[in-house]
Amino acid sequence: MSRWVCTKCGHEAEGVNPPKKCTCGASKDSFEIMEERAQREPGEEMGGSEDDEWEEDIEVDDDFD
């Protein structure tokens, strides 16, 4: 038996196969086995990588009057 998690809402279910439909209405294609989800690298879920992070220039005013 496997533990399944909906990638849309996070609902968890147990069974040999994923549920046909999630409580949020997502199809069975939206479910992943929890162990596979836990093994992903950060950023992979959204299709990006850690190198895709924003770099924002921030001006700092050190002149305190």
N, C-alpha and C. Protein backbone atom coordinates (compact mmCIF):
# COMPACT_ATOMS: atom_id res chain seq x y z
N MET A 1 0.84 -1.17 0.00
CA MET A 1 0.00 0.00 0.00
C MET A 1 0.89 1.24 0.00
N SER A 2 0.46 2.26 -0.74
CA SER A 2 1.23 3.49 -0.86
C SER A 2 0.46 4.66 -0.26
N ARG A 3 1.22 5.69 0.08
CA ARG A 3 0.61 6.95 0.54
C ARG A 3 0.71 7.93 -0.62
N TRP A 4 -0.42 8.52 -0.97
CA TRP A 4 -0.51 9.45 -2.08
C TRP A 4 -0.78 10.85 -1.57
N VAL A 5 -0.28 11.86 -2.29
CA VAL A 5 -0.53 13.25 -1.93
C VAL A 5 -0.94 14.01 -3.21
N CYS A 6 -1.97 14.84 -3.08
CA CYS A 6 -2.43 15.65 -4.19
C CYS A 6 -1.48 16.84 -4.35
N THR A 7 -0.97 17.04 -5.55
CA THR A 7 -0.05 18.14 -5.80
C THR A 7 -0.76 19.48 -5.88
N LYS A 8 -2.08 19.47 -5.97
CA LYS A 8 -2.85 20.72 -6.04
C LYS A 8 -3.18 21.27 -4.65
N CYS A 9 -3.60 20.38 -3.72
CA CYS A 9 -4.07 20.87 -2.42
C CYS A 9 -3.37 20.22 -1.22
N GLY A 10 -2.61 19.14 -1.43
CA GLY A 10 -1.90 18.50 -0.34
C GLY A 10 -2.69 17.40 0.36
N HIS A 11 -3.90 17.09 -0.11
CA HIS A 11 -4.70 16.02 0.49
C HIS A 11 -3.94 14.70 0.41
N GLU A 12 -3.95 13.92 1.48
CA GLU A 12 -3.25 12.64 1.53
C GLU A 12 -4.24 11.48 1.53
N ALA A 13 -3.85 10.40 0.87
CA ALA A 13 -4.70 9.21 0.81
C ALA A 13 -3.80 7.99 0.79
N GLU A 14 -4.36 6.83 1.19
CA GLU A 14 -3.63 5.57 1.15
C GLU A 14 -4.34 4.61 0.21
N GLY A 15 -3.54 3.78 -0.46
CA GLY A 15 -4.10 2.78 -1.34
C GLY A 15 -3.07 2.28 -2.31
N VAL A 16 -3.42 1.22 -3.02
CA VAL A 16 -2.53 0.66 -4.03
C VAL A 16 -2.43 1.65 -5.19
N ASN A 17 -3.55 2.26 -5.55
CA ASN A 17 -3.62 3.25 -6.63
C ASN A 17 -4.09 4.57 -6.05
N PRO A 18 -3.83 5.68 -6.75
CA PRO A 18 -4.32 6.97 -6.27
C PRO A 18 -5.85 7.02 -6.37
N PRO A 19 -6.49 7.88 -5.59
CA PRO A 19 -7.94 8.04 -5.73
C PRO A 19 -8.29 8.52 -7.13
N LYS A 20 -9.49 8.20 -7.60
CA LYS A 20 -9.91 8.63 -8.93
C LYS A 20 -10.07 10.14 -9.00
N LYS A 21 -10.44 10.74 -7.87
CA LYS A 21 -10.61 12.18 -7.81
C LYS A 21 -10.29 12.66 -6.40
N CYS A 22 -9.68 13.82 -6.31
CA CYS A 22 -9.34 14.41 -5.01
C CYS A 22 -10.54 15.16 -4.44
N THR A 23 -10.49 15.46 -3.17
CA THR A 23 -11.55 16.24 -2.54
C THR A 23 -11.60 17.66 -3.10
N CYS A 24 -10.49 18.14 -3.68
CA CYS A 24 -10.46 19.47 -4.29
C CYS A 24 -10.95 19.45 -5.73
N GLY A 25 -11.23 18.24 -6.26
CA GLY A 25 -11.71 18.12 -7.62
C GLY A 25 -10.64 17.75 -8.63
N ALA A 26 -9.38 17.69 -8.23
CA ALA A 26 -8.29 17.34 -9.14
C ALA A 26 -8.40 15.86 -9.53
N SER A 27 -7.93 15.54 -10.72
CA SER A 27 -7.98 14.16 -11.21
C SER A 27 -6.90 13.32 -10.57
N LYS A 28 -6.96 12.01 -10.80
CA LYS A 28 -5.96 11.09 -10.22
C LYS A 28 -4.56 11.39 -10.72
N ASP A 29 -4.44 12.06 -11.85
CA ASP A 29 -3.11 12.42 -12.39
C ASP A 29 -2.40 13.44 -11.50
N SER A 30 -3.14 14.10 -10.61
CA SER A 30 -2.55 15.10 -9.72
C SER A 30 -1.93 14.48 -8.48
N PHE A 31 -2.08 13.17 -8.28
CA PHE A 31 -1.53 12.51 -7.10
C PHE A 31 -0.13 11.97 -7.38
N GLU A 32 0.72 12.06 -6.36
CA GLU A 32 2.07 11.49 -6.40
C GLU A 32 2.26 10.63 -5.16
N ILE A 33 3.13 9.64 -5.28
CA ILE A 33 3.50 8.84 -4.12
C ILE A 33 4.34 9.73 -3.21
N MET A 34 4.03 9.76 -1.92
CA MET A 34 4.69 10.69 -1.00
C MET A 34 6.20 10.53 -0.97
N GLU A 35 6.72 9.32 -1.10
CA GLU A 35 8.17 9.11 -1.07
C GLU A 35 8.83 9.81 -2.24
N GLU A 36 8.20 9.78 -3.42
CA GLU A 36 8.77 10.44 -4.59
C GLU A 36 8.77 11.95 -4.42
N ARG A 37 7.73 12.48 -3.82
CA ARG A 37 7.63 13.92 -3.59
C ARG A 37 8.71 14.38 -2.62
N ALA A 38 9.00 13.58 -1.59
CA ALA A 38 9.99 13.94 -0.58
C ALA A 38 11.41 13.93 -1.14
N GLN A 39 11.64 13.18 -2.22
CA GLN A 39 12.98 13.05 -2.77
C GLN A 39 13.33 14.15 -3.76
N ARG A 40 12.39 15.01 -4.10
CA ARG A 40 12.66 16.08 -5.05
C ARG A 40 13.60 17.12 -4.49
N GLU A 41 14.30 17.77 -5.38
CA GLU A 41 15.19 18.85 -5.01
C GLU A 41 14.38 20.14 -4.84
N PRO A 42 14.84 21.07 -4.04
CA PRO A 42 14.13 22.35 -3.90
C PRO A 42 14.03 23.05 -5.25
N GLY A 43 12.86 23.60 -5.54
CA GLY A 43 12.64 24.30 -6.79
C GLY A 43 12.16 23.42 -7.92
N GLU A 44 12.33 22.11 -7.81
CA GLU A 44 11.95 21.22 -8.89
C GLU A 44 10.44 21.16 -9.08
N GLU A 45 9.70 21.29 -8.01
CA GLU A 45 8.24 21.18 -8.07
C GLU A 45 7.64 22.24 -8.98
N MET A 46 8.19 23.42 -8.97
CA MET A 46 7.67 24.50 -9.79
C MET A 46 8.37 24.57 -11.15
N GLY A 47 9.25 23.66 -11.43
CA GLY A 47 9.93 23.63 -12.71
C GLY A 47 11.14 24.55 -12.77
N GLY A 48 11.55 25.09 -11.66
CA GLY A 48 12.70 25.99 -11.64
C GLY A 48 13.87 25.34 -10.94
N SER A 49 14.84 26.16 -10.61
CA SER A 49 15.99 25.67 -9.87
C SER A 49 16.42 26.76 -8.89
N GLU A 50 17.35 26.42 -8.03
CA GLU A 50 17.84 27.40 -7.06
C GLU A 50 18.54 28.56 -7.76
N ASP A 51 19.06 28.34 -8.97
CA ASP A 51 19.75 29.40 -9.71
C ASP A 51 18.78 30.44 -10.25
N ASP A 52 17.48 30.12 -10.28
CA ASP A 52 16.48 31.02 -10.83
C ASP A 52 15.95 32.03 -9.82
N GLU A 53 16.54 32.09 -8.64
CA GLU A 53 16.05 33.00 -7.61
C GLU A 53 16.28 34.44 -8.02
N TRP A 54 15.43 35.32 -7.49
CA TRP A 54 15.56 36.75 -7.75
C TRP A 54 16.80 37.31 -7.10
N GLU A 55 17.39 38.25 -7.78
CA GLU A 55 18.44 39.05 -7.17
C GLU A 55 17.96 40.48 -7.24
N GLU A 56 17.71 41.05 -6.10
CA GLU A 56 17.13 42.39 -6.05
C GLU A 56 18.13 43.36 -5.42
N ASP A 57 18.34 44.50 -6.10
CA ASP A 57 19.21 45.53 -5.56
C ASP A 57 18.42 46.35 -4.55
N ILE A 58 18.94 46.48 -3.37
CA ILE A 58 18.27 47.23 -2.31
C ILE A 58 19.19 48.37 -1.90
N GLU A 59 18.63 49.59 -1.95
CA GLU A 59 19.40 50.74 -1.52
C GLU A 59 19.30 50.86 0.00
N VAL A 60 20.41 51.10 0.63
CA VAL A 60 20.44 51.24 2.07
C VAL A 60 20.85 52.66 2.40
N ASP A 61 20.05 53.31 3.23
CA ASP A 61 20.33 54.68 3.65
C ASP A 61 20.94 54.61 5.04
N ASP A 62 22.27 54.76 5.12
CA ASP A 62 22.97 54.68 6.40
C ASP A 62 23.05 56.03 7.11
N ASP A 63 22.44 57.05 6.52
CA ASP A 63 22.50 58.40 7.10
C ASP A 63 21.33 58.60 8.04
N PHE A 64 21.56 58.31 9.33
CA PHE A 64 20.52 58.48 10.35
C PHE A 64 20.70 59.83 11.00
N ASP A 65 19.75 60.73 10.86
CA ASP A 65 19.83 62.07 11.46
C ASP A 65 19.17 62.12 12.78
